[in-house]
Amino acid sequence: MRDFQNAYPNDGYTEFDRVMACWAINHNGWRKAKKKWRRIGKKRIRRETQKMIKRELEEE
């Protein structure tokens, strides 16, 4: 789980940004952003896992 949190980008947004960002409040932008960030995080984890598997296979 911690690996996923590390791979999950939030583009440097803080709690203040979330409260004061009118673009996000007006059209569910945070929901859309979180969905995008979740996809990016999953892709990063998948890519790192594939790299580890490939390295392990090359060592044998």
PDB file of N, CA and C in Angstrom:
ATOM      1  N   MET A   1       0.823  -1.195   0.000  1.00  0.00           N
ATOM      2  CA  MET A   1       0.000   0.000   0.000  1.00  0.00           C
ATOM      3  C   MET A   1       0.865   1.255   0.000  1.00  0.00           C
ATOM      4  N   ARG A   2       1.956   1.203   0.749  1.00  0.00           N
ATOM      5  CA  ARG A   2       2.832   2.371   0.810  1.00  0.00           C
ATOM      6  C   ARG A   2       3.465   2.644  -0.551  1.00  0.00           C
ATOM      7  N   ASP A   3       3.756   1.587  -1.299  1.00  0.00           N
ATOM      8  CA  ASP A   3       4.314   1.774  -2.634  1.00  0.00           C
ATOM      9  C   ASP A   3       3.339   2.522  -3.522  1.00  0.00           C
ATOM     10  N   PHE A   4       2.058   2.185  -3.384  1.00  0.00           N
ATOM     11  CA  PHE A   4       1.048   2.862  -4.192  1.00  0.00           C
ATOM     12  C   PHE A   4       0.973   4.341  -3.827  1.00  0.00           C
ATOM     13  N   GLN A   5       1.062   4.649  -2.534  1.00  0.00           N
ATOM     14  CA  GLN A   5       1.011   6.045  -2.110  1.00  0.00           C
ATOM     15  C   GLN A   5       2.218   6.815  -2.623  1.00  0.00           C
ATOM     16  N   ASN A   6       3.361   6.171  -2.671  1.00  0.00           N
ATOM     17  CA  ASN A   6       4.553   6.838  -3.188  1.00  0.00           C
ATOM     18  C   ASN A   6       4.453   7.067  -4.689  1.00  0.00           C
ATOM     19  N   ALA A   7       3.794   6.164  -5.392  1.00  0.00           N
ATOM     20  CA  ALA A   7       3.669   6.284  -6.839  1.00  0.00           C
ATOM     21  C   ALA A   7       2.538   7.221  -7.233  1.00  0.00           C
ATOM     22  N   TYR A   8       1.696   7.569  -6.276  1.00  0.00           N
ATOM     23  CA  TYR A   8       0.502   8.360  -6.532  1.00  0.00           C
ATOM     24  C   TYR A   8       0.862   9.840  -6.542  1.00  0.00           C
ATOM     25  N   PRO A   9       0.837  10.472  -7.710  1.00  0.00           N
ATOM     26  CA  PRO A   9       1.200  11.885  -7.757  1.00  0.00           C
ATOM     27  C   PRO A   9       0.020  12.766  -7.366  1.00  0.00           C
ATOM     28  N   ASN A  10       0.266  13.837  -6.680  1.00  0.00           N
ATOM     29  CA  ASN A  10      -0.810  14.786  -6.426  1.00  0.00           C
ATOM     30  C   ASN A  10      -0.432  16.162  -6.955  1.00  0.00           C
ATOM     31  N   ASP A  11       0.597  16.220  -7.741  1.00  0.00           N
ATOM     32  CA  ASP A  11       1.052  17.447  -8.393  1.00  0.00           C
ATOM     33  C   ASP A  11       1.296  18.585  -7.409  1.00  0.00           C
ATOM     34  N   GLY A  12       1.629  18.265  -6.169  1.00  0.00           N
ATOM     35  CA  GLY A  12       1.989  19.283  -5.196  1.00  0.00           C
ATOM     36  C   GLY A  12       0.833  20.054  -4.591  1.00  0.00           C
ATOM     37  N   TYR A  13      -0.386  19.559  -4.758  1.00  0.00           N
ATOM     38  CA  TYR A  13      -1.529  20.260  -4.186  1.00  0.00           C
ATOM     39  C   TYR A  13      -1.578  20.072  -2.679  1.00  0.00           C
ATOM     40  N   THR A  14      -1.942  21.127  -1.970  1.00  0.00           N
ATOM     41  CA  THR A  14      -2.071  21.083  -0.522  1.00  0.00           C
ATOM     42  C   THR A  14      -3.544  21.167  -0.153  1.00  0.00           C
ATOM     43  N   GLU A  15      -3.833  21.060   1.133  1.00  0.00           N
ATOM     44  CA  GLU A  15      -5.220  21.172   1.595  1.00  0.00           C
ATOM     45  C   GLU A  15      -5.782  22.560   1.265  1.00  0.00           C
ATOM     46  N   PHE A  16      -4.962  23.593   1.369  1.00  0.00           N
ATOM     47  CA  PHE A  16      -5.401  24.945   1.017  1.00  0.00           C
ATOM     48  C   PHE A  16      -5.822  25.003  -0.450  1.00  0.00           C
ATOM     49  N   ASP A  17      -5.039  24.387  -1.318  1.00  0.00           N
ATOM     50  CA  ASP A  17      -5.383  24.375  -2.739  1.00  0.00           C
ATOM     51  C   ASP A  17      -6.716  23.691  -2.968  1.00  0.00           C
ATOM     52  N   ARG A  18      -6.956  22.622  -2.245  1.00  0.00           N
ATOM     53  CA  ARG A  18      -8.206  21.888  -2.428  1.00  0.00           C
ATOM     54  C   ARG A  18      -9.409  22.712  -1.984  1.00  0.00           C
ATOM     55  N   VAL A  19      -9.239  23.466  -0.911  1.00  0.00           N
ATOM     56  CA  VAL A  19     -10.354  24.268  -0.391  1.00  0.00           C
ATOM     57  C   VAL A  19     -10.610  25.488  -1.267  1.00  0.00           C
ATOM     58  N   MET A  20      -9.562  26.112  -1.753  1.00  0.00           N
ATOM     59  CA  MET A  20      -9.698  27.386  -2.452  1.00  0.00           C
ATOM     60  C   MET A  20      -9.793  27.262  -3.974  1.00  0.00           C
ATOM     61  N   ALA A  21      -9.669  26.081  -4.521  1.00  0.00           N
ATOM     62  CA  ALA A  21      -9.669  25.934  -5.977  1.00  0.00           C
ATOM     63  C   ALA A  21     -11.099  25.904  -6.502  1.00  0.00           C
ATOM     64  N   CYS A  22     -11.535  27.012  -7.082  1.00  0.00           N
ATOM     65  CA  CYS A  22     -12.915  27.083  -7.563  1.00  0.00           C
ATOM     66  C   CYS A  22     -13.117  26.221  -8.805  1.00  0.00           C
ATOM     67  N   TRP A  23     -12.080  26.041  -9.631  1.00  0.00           N
ATOM     68  CA  TRP A  23     -12.246  25.218 -10.827  1.00  0.00           C
ATOM     69  C   TRP A  23     -12.609  23.793 -10.458  1.00  0.00           C
ATOM     70  N   ALA A  24     -12.022  23.314  -9.368  1.00  0.00           N
ATOM     71  CA  ALA A  24     -12.260  21.933  -8.973  1.00  0.00           C
ATOM     72  C   ALA A  24     -13.619  21.772  -8.307  1.00  0.00           C
ATOM     73  N   ILE A  25     -14.018  22.747  -7.530  1.00  0.00           N
ATOM     74  CA  ILE A  25     -15.297  22.659  -6.831  1.00  0.00           C
ATOM     75  C   ILE A  25     -16.446  22.749  -7.820  1.00  0.00           C
ATOM     76  N   ASN A  26     -16.289  23.559  -8.846  1.00  0.00           N
ATOM     77  CA  ASN A  26     -17.389  23.805  -9.767  1.00  0.00           C
ATOM     78  C   ASN A  26     -17.709  22.628 -10.675  1.00  0.00           C
ATOM     79  N   HIS A  27     -16.770  21.811 -10.996  1.00  0.00           N
ATOM     80  CA  HIS A  27     -17.081  20.716 -11.926  1.00  0.00           C
ATOM     81  C   HIS A  27     -16.445  19.386 -11.527  1.00  0.00           C
ATOM     82  N   ASN A  28     -16.448  19.109 -10.233  1.00  0.00           N
ATOM     83  CA  ASN A  28     -15.931  17.833  -9.722  1.00  0.00           C
ATOM     84  C   ASN A  28     -14.505  17.567 -10.187  1.00  0.00           C
ATOM     85  N   GLY A  29     -13.716  18.608 -10.255  1.00  0.00           N
ATOM     86  CA  GLY A  29     -12.358  18.469 -10.759  1.00  0.00           C
ATOM     87  C   GLY A  29     -11.478  17.589  -9.893  1.00  0.00           C
ATOM     88  N   TRP A  30     -11.690  17.610  -8.569  1.00  0.00           N
ATOM     89  CA  TRP A  30     -10.851  16.782  -7.706  1.00  0.00           C
ATOM     90  C   TRP A  30     -11.139  15.314  -7.932  1.00  0.00           C
ATOM     91  N   ARG A  31     -12.394  14.977  -8.178  1.00  0.00           N
ATOM     92  CA  ARG A  31     -12.731  13.584  -8.465  1.00  0.00           C
ATOM     93  C   ARG A  31     -12.015  13.144  -9.739  1.00  0.00           C
ATOM     94  N   LYS A  32     -12.050  13.995 -10.746  1.00  0.00           N
ATOM     95  CA  LYS A  32     -11.395  13.681 -12.012  1.00  0.00           C
ATOM     96  C   LYS A  32      -9.875  13.609 -11.844  1.00  0.00           C
ATOM     97  N   ALA A  33      -9.330  14.540 -11.062  1.00  0.00           N
ATOM     98  CA  ALA A  33      -7.882  14.550 -10.846  1.00  0.00           C
ATOM     99  C   ALA A  33      -7.440  13.310 -10.078  1.00  0.00           C
ATOM    100  N   LYS A  34      -8.199  12.936  -9.032  1.00  0.00           N
ATOM    101  CA  LYS A  34      -7.835  11.749  -8.262  1.00  0.00           C
ATOM    102  C   LYS A  34      -7.894  10.502  -9.129  1.00  0.00           C
ATOM    103  N   LYS A  35      -8.881  10.432 -10.022  1.00  0.00           N
ATOM    104  CA  LYS A  35      -8.989   9.283 -10.920  1.00  0.00           C
ATOM    105  C   LYS A  35      -7.761   9.217 -11.839  1.00  0.00           C
ATOM    106  N   LYS A  36      -7.367  10.366 -12.360  1.00  0.00           N
ATOM    107  CA  LYS A  36      -6.192  10.415 -13.234  1.00  0.00           C
ATOM    108  C   LYS A  36      -4.936  10.025 -12.471  1.00  0.00           C
ATOM    109  N   TRP A  37      -4.756  10.575 -11.258  1.00  0.00           N
ATOM    110  CA  TRP A  37      -3.577  10.278 -10.451  1.00  0.00           C
ATOM    111  C   TRP A  37      -3.536   8.811 -10.061  1.00  0.00           C
ATOM    112  N   ARG A  38      -4.703   8.221  -9.783  1.00  0.00           N
ATOM    113  CA  ARG A  38      -4.756   6.803  -9.425  1.00  0.00           C
ATOM    114  C   ARG A  38      -4.278   5.956 -10.600  1.00  0.00           C
ATOM    115  N   ARG A  39      -4.727   6.308 -11.802  1.00  0.00           N
ATOM    116  CA  ARG A  39      -4.294   5.573 -12.993  1.00  0.00           C
ATOM    117  C   ARG A  39      -2.786   5.704 -13.196  1.00  0.00           C
ATOM    118  N   ILE A  40      -2.269   6.904 -13.009  1.00  0.00           N
ATOM    119  CA  ILE A  40      -0.830   7.118 -13.160  1.00  0.00           C
ATOM    120  C   ILE A  40      -0.063   6.290 -12.138  1.00  0.00           C
ATOM    121  N   GLY A  41      -0.549   6.277 -10.895  1.00  0.00           N
ATOM    122  CA  GLY A  41       0.107   5.504  -9.841  1.00  0.00           C
ATOM    123  C   GLY A  41       0.116   4.017 -10.143  1.00  0.00           C
ATOM    124  N   LYS A  42      -1.012   3.504 -10.625  1.00  0.00           N
ATOM    125  CA  LYS A  42      -1.083   2.082 -10.962  1.00  0.00           C
ATOM    126  C   LYS A  42      -0.127   1.748 -12.102  1.00  0.00           C
ATOM    127  N   LYS A  43      -0.040   2.639 -13.086  1.00  0.00           N
ATOM    128  CA  LYS A  43       0.886   2.404 -14.195  1.00  0.00           C
ATOM    129  C   LYS A  43       2.334   2.396 -13.717  1.00  0.00           C
ATOM    130  N   ARG A  44       2.663   3.306 -12.800  1.00  0.00           N
ATOM    131  CA  ARG A  44       4.030   3.351 -12.274  1.00  0.00           C
ATOM    132  C   ARG A  44       4.365   2.078 -11.521  1.00  0.00           C
ATOM    133  N   ILE A  45       3.434   1.604 -10.705  1.00  0.00           N
ATOM    134  CA  ILE A  45       3.670   0.370  -9.954  1.00  0.00           C
ATOM    135  C   ILE A  45       3.809  -0.806 -10.905  1.00  0.00           C
ATOM    136  N   ARG A  46       2.937  -0.879 -11.901  1.00  0.00           N
ATOM    137  CA  ARG A  46       2.993  -1.969 -12.870  1.00  0.00           C
ATOM    138  C   ARG A  46       4.325  -1.958 -13.613  1.00  0.00           C
ATOM    139  N   ARG A  47       4.778  -0.773 -14.013  1.00  0.00           N
ATOM    140  CA  ARG A  47       6.044  -0.641 -14.733  1.00  0.00           C
ATOM    141  C   ARG A  47       7.220  -1.079 -13.865  1.00  0.00           C
ATOM    142  N   GLU A  48       7.227  -0.640 -12.596  1.00  0.00           N
ATOM    143  CA  GLU A  48       8.306  -1.023 -11.685  1.00  0.00           C
ATOM    144  C   GLU A  48       8.305  -2.528 -11.428  1.00  0.00           C
ATOM    145  N   THR A  49       7.128  -3.112 -11.298  1.00  0.00           N
ATOM    146  CA  THR A  49       7.029  -4.555 -11.085  1.00  0.00           C
ATOM    147  C   THR A  49       7.579  -5.313 -12.285  1.00  0.00           C
ATOM    148  N   GLN A  50       7.221  -4.860 -13.484  1.00  0.00           N
ATOM    149  CA  GLN A  50       7.727  -5.509 -14.692  1.00  0.00           C
ATOM    150  C   GLN A  50       9.248  -5.391 -14.787  1.00  0.00           C
ATOM    151  N   LYS A  51       9.793  -4.237 -14.401  1.00  0.00           N
ATOM    152  CA  LYS A  51      11.249  -4.066 -14.418  1.00  0.00           C
ATOM    153  C   LYS A  51      11.924  -5.029 -13.449  1.00  0.00           C
ATOM    154  N   MET A  52      11.344  -5.192 -12.249  1.00  0.00           N
ATOM    155  CA  MET A  52      11.922  -6.112 -11.269  1.00  0.00           C
ATOM    156  C   MET A  52      11.878  -7.544 -11.777  1.00  0.00           C
ATOM    157  N   ILE A  53      10.770  -7.935 -12.372  1.00  0.00           N
ATOM    158  CA  ILE A  53      10.640  -9.294 -12.908  1.00  0.00           C
ATOM    159  C   ILE A  53      11.671  -9.515 -14.012  1.00  0.00           C
ATOM    160  N   LYS A  54      11.800  -8.535 -14.892  1.00  0.00           N
ATOM    161  CA  LYS A  54      12.753  -8.652 -15.991  1.00  0.00           C
ATOM    162  C   LYS A  54      14.184  -8.778 -15.463  1.00  0.00           C
ATOM    163  N   ARG A  55      14.527  -7.976 -14.442  1.00  0.00           N
ATOM    164  CA  ARG A  55      15.862  -8.055 -13.843  1.00  0.00           C
ATOM    165  C   ARG A  55      16.111  -9.419 -13.219  1.00  0.00           C
ATOM    166  N   GLU A  56      15.119  -9.938 -12.516  1.00  0.00           N
ATOM    167  CA  GLU A  56      15.261 -11.251 -11.877  1.00  0.00           C
ATOM    168  C   GLU A  56      15.467 -12.343 -12.920  1.00  0.00           C
ATOM    169  N   LEU A  57      14.742 -12.260 -14.020  1.00  0.00           N
ATOM    170  CA  LEU A  57      14.890 -13.271 -15.065  1.00  0.00           C
ATOM    171  C   LEU A  57      16.247 -13.173 -15.753  1.00  0.00           C
ATOM    172  N   GLU A  58      16.758 -11.972 -15.907  1.00  0.00           N
ATOM    173  CA  GLU A  58      18.065 -11.795 -16.537  1.00  0.00           C
ATOM    174  C   GLU A  58      19.195 -12.292 -15.648  1.00  0.00           C
ATOM    175  N   GLU A  59      19.020 -12.216 -14.339  1.00  0.00           N
ATOM    176  CA  GLU A  59      20.054 -12.672 -13.414  1.00  0.00           C
ATOM    177  C   GLU A  59      20.187 -14.187 -13.411  1.00  0.00           C
ATOM    178  N   GLU A  60      19.116 -14.882 -13.666  1.00  0.00           N
ATOM    179  CA  GLU A  60      19.152 -16.358 -13.610  1.00  0.00           C
ATOM    180  C   GLU A  60      19.761 -16.972 -14.825  1.00  0.00           C
TER     181      GLU A  60
END
